[in-house]
Amino acid sequence: MHVPDGFINAPASAASAVVAAGVVAISLRGARRELSGAGAATDLGGDRTAPLAGLVAAFVFAAQMLNFPVAAGTSGHLMGGALAAVLVGPATGVLCITVVLLLQGVLFADGGLTALGVNVTVMGAVAVGTAYVLFRGLLAVLPRRRGSVTAATCVAAFASVPASAAAFTLLYAVGGTTDVPIDTVLTAMVGVHVLIGIGEAAITALTVGAVLAVRPDLVYGARALLAPLKLRVGGELVDARPAARAAALGLGAHRSPRFPRALWLTGLVVAVGLAGFVSHYASTEPDGLEKVAADEGFDGTAEEHASADSPLADYGIDGITDTRLSGGLAGVIGVGATAAVGTGVFAVVVVRRRRSRTAGAGPAPIAELGHGPGHGHGPGRAYPPPLDPGERA
């Protein structure tokens, strides 16, 4: 559902850009907490979670290249909002989708540049927000087990797609460049995207379920289920059964969690395989938005993309005539660029979080000097030593 330039007029596009900028700013603050591992069952540290978030962005990029048929003459692809929200958190998920949309627009001429705010609002804010709110609501009523995480993810992913379609229709009602019956557009958009939502739900549930089976502690949405039971001992909260918790996470009794290098490499290989090889077999039919635009008569308002001359435009490499090789190499470049940019962005977020926490800690406290009771000082308080008789004079 990449909205091209020309579908939404300039004022509405500008307003959407302001909304998107605000959402991204809020997400940057929220991502600092999510990436730092606050509330996680295992603390990998921000230096290790940033590459994982970058991998999620790269996987979403690759999966969006795989259009699957949903109806006669129509295709759809993963939107990725629910997937990113459940795996790395809603704030970080919005940033993942934003990185993907930005690179798609600049490098591959996919999704308008003046419509970037529209796309971030629809595919980022609305999709991620809808999915995560529904996901958390379902987890609150479902049994506390891993299967509930997968089931809630599936339903949330399904609902996020028609919700985004409805959000686009609302924007088109406000700033559409063609006078078309909005109720007809809404019916068509929601109808076709309900079908696309089925594919979204299946892909998202399978991916989250696979990660849950290997490293459930890495799934942000499952943190509440993995939080250890706490007991108050001597005035302090301690884990009730640290050994059992470590065993459940695949760790030794006294070992700290390692960076999941094997999982990261596997995910990267899968993303490269999807973008570099499987994408050649993707459906070439128009996606849901393109099909509705053609049927309702506003597809002609799409403007030529500002990056149409990019050497990677339309997911091909300029100068390579072999379609399979050109598309595959473009996909691999896209996965690498998304992983690199995403990891870099999230690493900066982590560094800023660390610096803000260091600055907030303030100077180190003055060490207690241990004066005797004759000086009248209470415990835990530091005072300067008494003056010598000569200094008093």
Protein backbone atom coordinates (compact mmCIF):
# COMPACT_ATOMS: atom_id res chain seq x y z
CA MET A 1 0.00 0.00 0.00
CA HIS A 2 2.72 2.44 -0.99
CA VAL A 3 0.95 5.71 -1.78
CA PRO A 4 2.53 7.49 -4.77
CA ASP A 5 2.90 11.23 -5.22
CA GLY A 6 -0.23 12.84 -6.64
CA PHE A 7 -2.93 10.80 -4.89
CA ILE A 8 -3.07 13.22 -1.93
CA ASN A 9 -2.88 16.99 -2.40
CA ALA A 10 -0.10 19.16 -1.00
CA PRO A 11 -1.88 20.50 2.13
CA ALA A 12 -2.97 17.04 3.26
CA SER A 13 0.46 15.61 2.46
CA ALA A 14 2.11 18.37 4.49
CA ALA A 15 -0.23 17.74 7.42
CA SER A 16 0.52 14.02 7.24
CA ALA A 17 4.24 14.82 7.23
CA VAL A 18 3.82 16.81 10.44
CA VAL A 19 1.90 13.95 12.04
CA ALA A 20 4.50 11.43 10.87
CA ALA A 21 7.35 13.58 12.20
CA GLY A 22 5.65 13.76 15.58
CA VAL A 23 5.11 10.01 15.65
CA VAL A 24 8.75 9.38 14.75
CA ALA A 25 9.93 11.80 17.44
CA ILE A 26 7.83 10.05 20.07
CA SER A 27 9.01 6.68 18.79
CA LEU A 28 12.65 7.72 19.13
CA ARG A 29 12.09 8.33 22.83
CA GLY A 30 10.17 5.10 23.28
CA ALA A 31 12.75 3.09 21.36
CA ARG A 32 15.45 4.11 23.83
CA ARG A 33 13.63 2.22 26.54
CA GLU A 34 12.71 -0.75 24.34
CA LEU A 35 16.21 -1.20 22.96
CA SER A 36 17.82 -0.86 26.38
CA GLY A 37 15.99 -4.01 27.44
CA ALA A 38 13.94 -2.38 30.19
CA GLY A 39 11.61 -5.03 31.58
CA ALA A 40 13.16 -7.84 29.55
CA ALA A 41 13.64 -11.32 30.90
CA THR A 42 17.22 -11.22 29.64
CA ASP A 43 19.33 -8.11 29.21
CA LEU A 44 21.34 -8.26 26.01
CA GLY A 45 22.23 -4.61 26.27
CA GLY A 46 21.57 -1.93 23.69
CA ASP A 47 24.72 -2.72 21.71
CA ARG A 48 23.22 -6.14 20.97
CA THR A 49 19.56 -5.27 20.49
CA ALA A 50 20.31 -2.62 17.85
CA PRO A 51 21.47 -5.22 15.27
CA LEU A 52 18.37 -7.29 16.00
CA ALA A 53 16.11 -4.31 15.31
CA GLY A 54 18.09 -3.62 12.14
CA LEU A 55 17.51 -7.22 11.10
CA VAL A 56 13.76 -6.84 11.61
CA ALA A 57 13.76 -3.81 9.30
CA ALA A 58 15.75 -5.76 6.68
CA PHE A 59 13.35 -8.70 6.91
CA VAL A 60 10.34 -6.41 6.44
CA PHE A 61 12.02 -4.88 3.38
CA ALA A 62 12.61 -8.33 1.89
CA ALA A 63 9.12 -9.59 2.68
CA GLN A 64 7.54 -6.54 1.06
CA MET A 65 9.12 -7.58 -2.25
CA LEU A 66 7.04 -10.77 -2.22
CA ASN A 67 3.65 -9.90 -3.64
CA PHE A 68 1.22 -12.80 -3.31
CA PRO A 69 -2.07 -13.17 -5.27
CA VAL A 70 -5.22 -12.50 -3.26
CA ALA A 71 -7.93 -12.20 -5.92
CA ALA A 72 -8.31 -12.08 -9.68
CA GLY A 73 -5.91 -9.41 -10.91
CA THR A 74 -4.87 -8.29 -7.43
CA SER A 75 -1.90 -8.99 -5.19
CA GLY A 76 -0.72 -7.99 -1.74
CA HIS A 77 2.45 -7.97 0.32
CA LEU A 78 3.46 -7.91 3.94
CA MET A 79 3.01 -4.55 5.61
CA GLY A 80 5.10 -5.53 8.62
CA GLY A 81 3.70 -3.26 11.31
CA ALA A 82 2.48 -6.06 13.58
CA LEU A 83 5.61 -8.13 13.00
CA ALA A 84 7.92 -5.30 14.00
CA ALA A 85 5.79 -4.24 16.97
CA VAL A 86 5.68 -7.72 18.50
CA LEU A 87 9.34 -8.55 17.88
CA VAL A 88 11.03 -5.30 18.91
CA GLY A 89 8.31 -3.10 20.45
CA PRO A 90 5.84 -0.56 19.06
CA ALA A 91 8.14 2.47 19.13
CA THR A 92 11.05 0.60 17.58
CA GLY A 93 8.58 -0.98 15.16
CA VAL A 94 7.49 2.44 13.87
CA LEU A 95 11.15 3.31 13.30
CA CYS A 96 11.71 0.02 11.45
CA ILE A 97 8.83 0.74 9.07
CA THR A 98 10.01 4.34 8.63
CA VAL A 99 13.53 3.22 7.66
CA VAL A 100 12.08 0.75 5.16
CA LEU A 101 9.75 3.32 3.60
CA LEU A 102 12.49 5.94 3.40
CA LEU A 103 14.93 3.66 1.60
CA GLN A 104 12.21 2.32 -0.69
CA GLY A 105 11.26 5.85 -1.69
CA VAL A 106 14.77 7.23 -2.13
CA LEU A 107 16.54 4.25 -3.71
CA PHE A 108 13.82 2.20 -5.37
CA ALA A 109 11.21 4.83 -6.35
CA ASP A 110 8.57 2.90 -4.42
CA GLY A 111 6.16 5.19 -2.57
CA GLY A 112 6.17 8.92 -3.21
CA LEU A 113 8.63 11.25 -1.55
CA THR A 114 6.07 14.00 -0.96
CA ALA A 115 3.76 11.20 0.19
CA LEU A 116 6.34 9.83 2.64
CA GLY A 117 4.43 11.34 5.55
CA VAL A 118 1.24 9.68 4.31
CA ASN A 119 2.95 6.30 4.06
CA VAL A 120 4.60 6.57 7.48
CA THR A 121 1.28 7.58 9.01
CA VAL A 122 -0.71 4.80 7.33
CA MET A 123 1.79 1.92 7.28
CA GLY A 124 3.75 2.96 10.34
CA ALA A 125 1.66 4.74 12.94
CA VAL A 126 -1.74 3.22 12.16
CA ALA A 127 -0.59 -0.32 11.37
CA VAL A 128 1.81 -0.57 14.31
CA GLY A 129 -0.53 1.18 16.74
CA THR A 130 -3.58 -0.87 15.80
CA ALA A 131 -1.66 -4.13 15.90
CA TYR A 132 0.04 -3.53 19.23
CA VAL A 133 -3.03 -2.26 21.06
CA LEU A 134 -5.03 -5.28 19.89
CA PHE A 135 -2.13 -7.61 20.66
CA ARG A 136 -1.83 -6.36 24.24
CA GLY A 137 -5.57 -6.52 24.73
CA LEU A 138 -5.72 -10.12 23.58
CA LEU A 139 -2.76 -11.14 25.75
CA ALA A 140 -4.58 -9.72 28.76
CA VAL A 141 -7.43 -12.22 28.37
CA LEU A 142 -5.65 -15.22 26.85
CA PRO A 143 -3.82 -17.87 28.91
CA ARG A 144 -0.24 -16.96 29.78
CA ARG A 145 1.63 -19.24 27.40
CA ARG A 146 3.61 -18.95 24.19
CA GLY A 147 0.75 -20.10 22.01
CA SER A 148 -1.23 -17.08 23.14
CA VAL A 149 1.51 -14.76 21.85
CA THR A 150 1.34 -16.37 18.42
CA ALA A 151 -2.47 -16.31 18.36
CA ALA A 152 -2.64 -12.66 19.45
CA THR A 153 0.00 -11.77 16.86
CA CYS A 154 -2.01 -13.45 14.12
CA VAL A 155 -5.21 -11.56 14.92
CA ALA A 156 -3.39 -8.24 15.40
CA ALA A 157 -1.57 -8.58 12.08
CA PHE A 158 -4.81 -9.35 10.27
CA ALA A 159 -6.62 -6.33 11.73
CA SER A 160 -3.76 -3.91 11.05
CA VAL A 161 -4.10 -4.18 7.27
CA PRO A 162 -7.76 -3.11 6.78
CA ALA A 163 -7.21 -0.50 9.51
CA SER A 164 -4.44 1.02 7.40
CA ALA A 165 -6.65 0.84 4.33
CA ALA A 166 -9.38 2.73 6.20
CA ALA A 167 -6.82 5.32 7.32
CA PHE A 168 -5.76 5.92 3.72
CA THR A 169 -9.39 6.32 2.70
CA LEU A 170 -9.86 8.92 5.43
CA LEU A 171 -6.83 10.85 4.17
CA TYR A 172 -8.16 10.59 0.63
CA ALA A 173 -11.51 11.95 1.77
CA VAL A 174 -9.70 14.98 3.20
CA GLY A 175 -7.10 15.58 0.50
CA GLY A 176 -7.76 13.34 -2.49
CA THR A 177 -6.94 14.90 -5.85
CA THR A 178 -9.88 13.30 -7.64
CA ASP A 179 -13.56 13.58 -6.84
CA VAL A 180 -14.64 9.97 -6.35
CA PRO A 181 -17.32 8.47 -4.07
CA ILE A 182 -15.51 7.93 -0.77
CA ASP A 183 -17.90 5.23 0.40
CA THR A 184 -17.08 3.24 -2.74
CA VAL A 185 -13.35 3.70 -2.18
CA LEU A 186 -13.69 2.67 1.46
CA THR A 187 -15.63 -0.49 0.60
CA ALA A 188 -13.15 -1.47 -2.09
CA MET A 189 -10.05 -0.67 -0.02
CA VAL A 190 -11.18 -2.46 3.11
CA GLY A 191 -12.55 -5.40 1.13
CA VAL A 192 -9.37 -6.18 -0.78
CA HIS A 193 -7.16 -5.49 2.23
CA VAL A 194 -9.12 -7.93 4.36
CA LEU A 195 -7.90 -10.57 1.92
CA ILE A 196 -4.36 -9.22 2.08
CA GLY A 197 -4.66 -9.26 5.86
CA ILE A 198 -5.01 -13.04 5.77
CA GLY A 199 -1.59 -13.32 4.16
CA GLU A 200 -0.20 -10.75 6.59
CA ALA A 201 -1.51 -12.77 9.54
CA ALA A 202 -0.02 -16.02 8.27
CA ILE A 203 3.43 -14.59 7.54
CA THR A 204 3.58 -12.67 10.81
CA ALA A 205 2.40 -15.57 12.97
CA LEU A 206 4.86 -17.99 11.35
CA THR A 207 7.78 -15.60 11.81
CA VAL A 208 7.01 -14.72 15.43
CA GLY A 209 6.30 -18.37 16.22
CA ALA A 210 9.68 -19.39 14.79
CA VAL A 211 11.53 -16.85 16.94
CA LEU A 212 9.51 -17.87 19.99
CA ALA A 213 10.51 -21.48 19.47
CA VAL A 214 14.22 -20.63 19.42
CA ARG A 215 14.69 -17.57 21.64
CA PRO A 216 11.45 -16.44 23.30
CA ASP A 217 13.39 -13.90 25.38
CA LEU A 218 14.08 -11.91 22.19
CA VAL A 219 10.37 -11.33 21.44
CA TYR A 220 9.35 -8.00 22.94
CA GLY A 221 5.69 -8.95 23.09
CA ALA A 222 6.47 -12.04 25.16
CA ARG A 223 8.42 -10.25 27.88
CA ALA A 224 5.52 -10.25 30.31
CA LEU A 225 5.19 -14.01 29.99
CA LEU A 226 8.90 -14.56 30.59
CA ALA A 227 9.23 -12.20 33.55
CA PRO A 228 10.50 -14.29 36.49
CA LEU A 229 8.55 -14.71 39.70
CA LYS A 230 9.87 -12.33 42.35
CA LEU A 231 10.17 -12.98 46.09
CA ARG A 232 11.06 -10.43 48.75
CA VAL A 233 14.06 -11.72 50.72
CA GLY A 234 15.73 -9.49 53.26
CA GLY A 235 13.93 -6.47 51.88
CA GLU A 236 15.05 -7.13 48.29
CA LEU A 237 13.24 -8.66 45.32
CA VAL A 238 15.00 -11.72 43.93
CA ASP A 239 14.16 -14.31 41.29
CA ALA A 240 12.29 -17.23 42.76
CA ARG A 241 13.97 -19.85 40.57
CA PRO A 242 16.89 -18.39 38.62
CA ALA A 243 18.21 -21.81 37.60
CA ALA A 244 14.90 -22.87 36.09
CA ARG A 245 14.56 -19.54 34.31
CA ALA A 246 18.04 -19.87 32.82
CA ALA A 247 17.30 -23.42 31.68
CA ALA A 248 14.07 -22.30 30.01
CA LEU A 249 16.02 -19.71 28.03
CA GLY A 250 18.74 -22.15 27.04
CA LEU A 251 21.36 -20.66 29.36
CA GLY A 252 23.57 -22.20 31.99
CA ALA A 253 22.78 -21.59 35.64
CA HIS A 254 25.45 -18.92 35.93
CA ARG A 255 25.75 -17.70 32.36
CA SER A 256 24.60 -14.37 31.04
CA PRO A 257 22.64 -14.25 27.77
CA ARG A 258 24.80 -14.13 24.67
CA PHE A 259 24.19 -12.19 21.50
CA PRO A 260 22.13 -14.54 19.30
CA ARG A 261 24.66 -14.59 16.47
CA ALA A 262 23.29 -17.77 14.91
CA LEU A 263 19.74 -16.40 14.91
CA TRP A 264 20.89 -13.07 13.48
CA LEU A 265 22.86 -14.74 10.67
CA THR A 266 19.96 -17.07 9.93
CA GLY A 267 17.55 -14.16 9.73
CA LEU A 268 19.89 -12.24 7.44
CA VAL A 269 20.34 -15.24 5.15
CA VAL A 270 16.56 -15.70 4.99
CA ALA A 271 16.06 -12.01 4.16
CA VAL A 272 18.71 -12.15 1.44
CA GLY A 273 17.18 -15.33 0.04
CA LEU A 274 13.70 -13.81 -0.05
CA ALA A 275 14.81 -10.57 -1.69
CA GLY A 276 17.49 -12.04 -3.94
CA PHE A 277 15.84 -15.24 -5.17
CA VAL A 278 12.23 -15.80 -4.09
CA SER A 279 11.17 -12.29 -5.16
CA HIS A 280 11.62 -13.34 -8.80
CA TYR A 281 8.50 -15.50 -8.41
CA ALA A 282 6.37 -12.82 -6.75
CA SER A 283 3.06 -11.87 -8.30
CA THR A 284 3.23 -9.10 -10.87
CA GLU A 285 -0.43 -8.14 -10.49
CA PRO A 286 -1.17 -4.66 -9.06
CA ASP A 287 -1.42 -4.48 -5.28
CA GLY A 288 -4.59 -3.58 -3.42
CA LEU A 289 -4.22 0.20 -3.63
CA GLU A 290 -3.19 0.14 -7.30
CA LYS A 291 -6.14 -2.08 -8.17
CA VAL A 292 -8.66 0.11 -6.34
CA ALA A 293 -7.17 3.26 -7.88
CA ALA A 294 -7.51 1.78 -11.37
CA ASP A 295 -11.07 0.57 -10.75
CA GLU A 296 -12.23 3.85 -9.21
CA GLY A 297 -10.47 6.05 -11.76
CA PHE A 298 -7.91 7.98 -9.72
CA ASP A 299 -4.78 6.06 -10.76
CA GLY A 300 -4.09 8.67 -13.43
CA THR A 301 -3.29 11.28 -10.78
CA ALA A 302 -0.08 9.49 -9.78
CA GLU A 303 2.94 11.63 -10.58
CA GLU A 304 6.32 10.52 -11.86
CA HIS A 305 8.58 9.60 -8.99
CA ALA A 306 11.38 12.01 -8.12
CA SER A 307 13.74 9.01 -7.89
CA ALA A 308 12.65 7.49 -11.19
CA ASP A 309 16.23 7.89 -12.49
CA SER A 310 17.74 6.01 -9.55
CA PRO A 311 19.94 3.09 -10.67
CA LEU A 312 17.81 0.87 -8.42
CA ALA A 313 14.40 2.21 -9.48
CA ASP A 314 11.61 -0.38 -9.68
CA TYR A 315 13.82 -2.93 -7.87
CA GLY A 316 16.23 -3.47 -10.74
CA ILE A 317 19.78 -2.44 -11.51
CA ASP A 318 20.20 -0.09 -14.42
CA GLY A 319 22.32 -1.63 -17.16
CA ILE A 320 21.65 -5.30 -16.30
CA THR A 321 19.29 -6.79 -18.86
CA ASP A 322 18.76 -10.14 -17.13
CA THR A 323 15.56 -9.53 -15.15
CA ARG A 324 16.22 -12.23 -12.56
CA LEU A 325 19.80 -11.11 -11.92
CA SER A 326 18.87 -7.41 -11.89
CA GLY A 327 15.98 -7.82 -9.50
CA GLY A 328 17.88 -10.23 -7.27
CA LEU A 329 20.91 -7.98 -6.91
CA ALA A 330 18.69 -4.98 -6.24
CA GLY A 331 16.91 -6.94 -3.53
CA VAL A 332 20.17 -8.00 -1.89
CA ILE A 333 21.43 -4.40 -1.98
CA GLY A 334 18.17 -3.27 -0.42
CA VAL A 335 18.41 -5.81 2.40
CA GLY A 336 22.01 -4.81 3.12
CA ALA A 337 21.24 -1.09 3.02
CA THR A 338 18.20 -1.48 5.27
CA ALA A 339 20.10 -3.60 7.79
CA ALA A 340 23.00 -1.14 7.84
CA VAL A 341 20.89 2.01 8.10
CA GLY A 342 18.50 0.45 10.59
CA THR A 343 21.29 -0.83 12.83
CA GLY A 344 23.01 2.56 12.64
CA VAL A 345 19.85 4.44 13.60
CA PHE A 346 19.11 2.12 16.50
CA ALA A 347 22.73 2.23 17.69
CA VAL A 348 22.50 6.03 17.87
CA VAL A 349 19.27 5.70 19.85
CA VAL A 350 20.99 3.36 22.30
CA VAL A 351 24.00 5.67 22.69
CA ARG A 352 21.75 8.63 23.41
CA ARG A 353 19.89 6.56 26.00
CA ARG A 354 23.15 5.62 27.69
CA ARG A 355 24.37 9.21 27.74
CA SER A 356 21.10 10.54 29.13
CA ARG A 357 21.17 7.97 31.91
CA THR A 358 24.80 8.82 32.73
CA ALA A 359 24.05 12.54 32.79
CA GLY A 360 20.97 11.96 34.96
CA ALA A 361 22.98 10.01 37.52
CA GLY A 362 24.80 13.19 38.61
CA PRO A 363 28.13 13.34 40.43
CA ALA A 364 29.22 10.50 42.65
CA PRO A 365 28.11 10.89 46.28
CA ILE A 366 30.62 11.94 48.90
CA ALA A 367 31.92 8.92 50.74
CA GLU A 368 30.78 8.53 54.32
CA LEU A 369 33.58 9.56 56.64
CA GLY A 370 32.54 7.39 59.53
CA HIS A 371 32.60 9.93 62.40
CA GLY A 372 31.92 8.50 65.81
CA PRO A 373 28.76 9.12 67.71
CA GLY A 374 30.46 11.80 69.78
CA HIS A 375 30.25 14.13 66.78
CA GLY A 376 26.48 13.92 66.75
CA HIS A 377 26.26 12.73 63.12
CA GLY A 378 23.59 10.26 62.12
CA PRO A 379 24.30 7.15 60.07
CA GLY A 380 24.50 7.45 56.31
CA ARG A 381 25.39 11.17 56.31
CA ALA A 382 28.74 12.68 55.32
CA TYR A 383 30.20 15.77 57.02
CA PRO A 384 33.53 17.58 56.72
CA PRO A 385 36.08 16.86 59.44
CA PRO A 386 36.11 19.19 62.47
CA LEU A 387 38.47 22.16 62.41
CA ASP A 388 41.78 22.04 64.26
CA PRO A 389 42.02 24.33 67.31
CA GLY A 390 44.40 26.58 65.39
CA GLU A 391 42.01 26.96 62.48
CA ARG A 392 39.17 27.86 64.82
CA ALA A 393 41.19 30.76 66.09
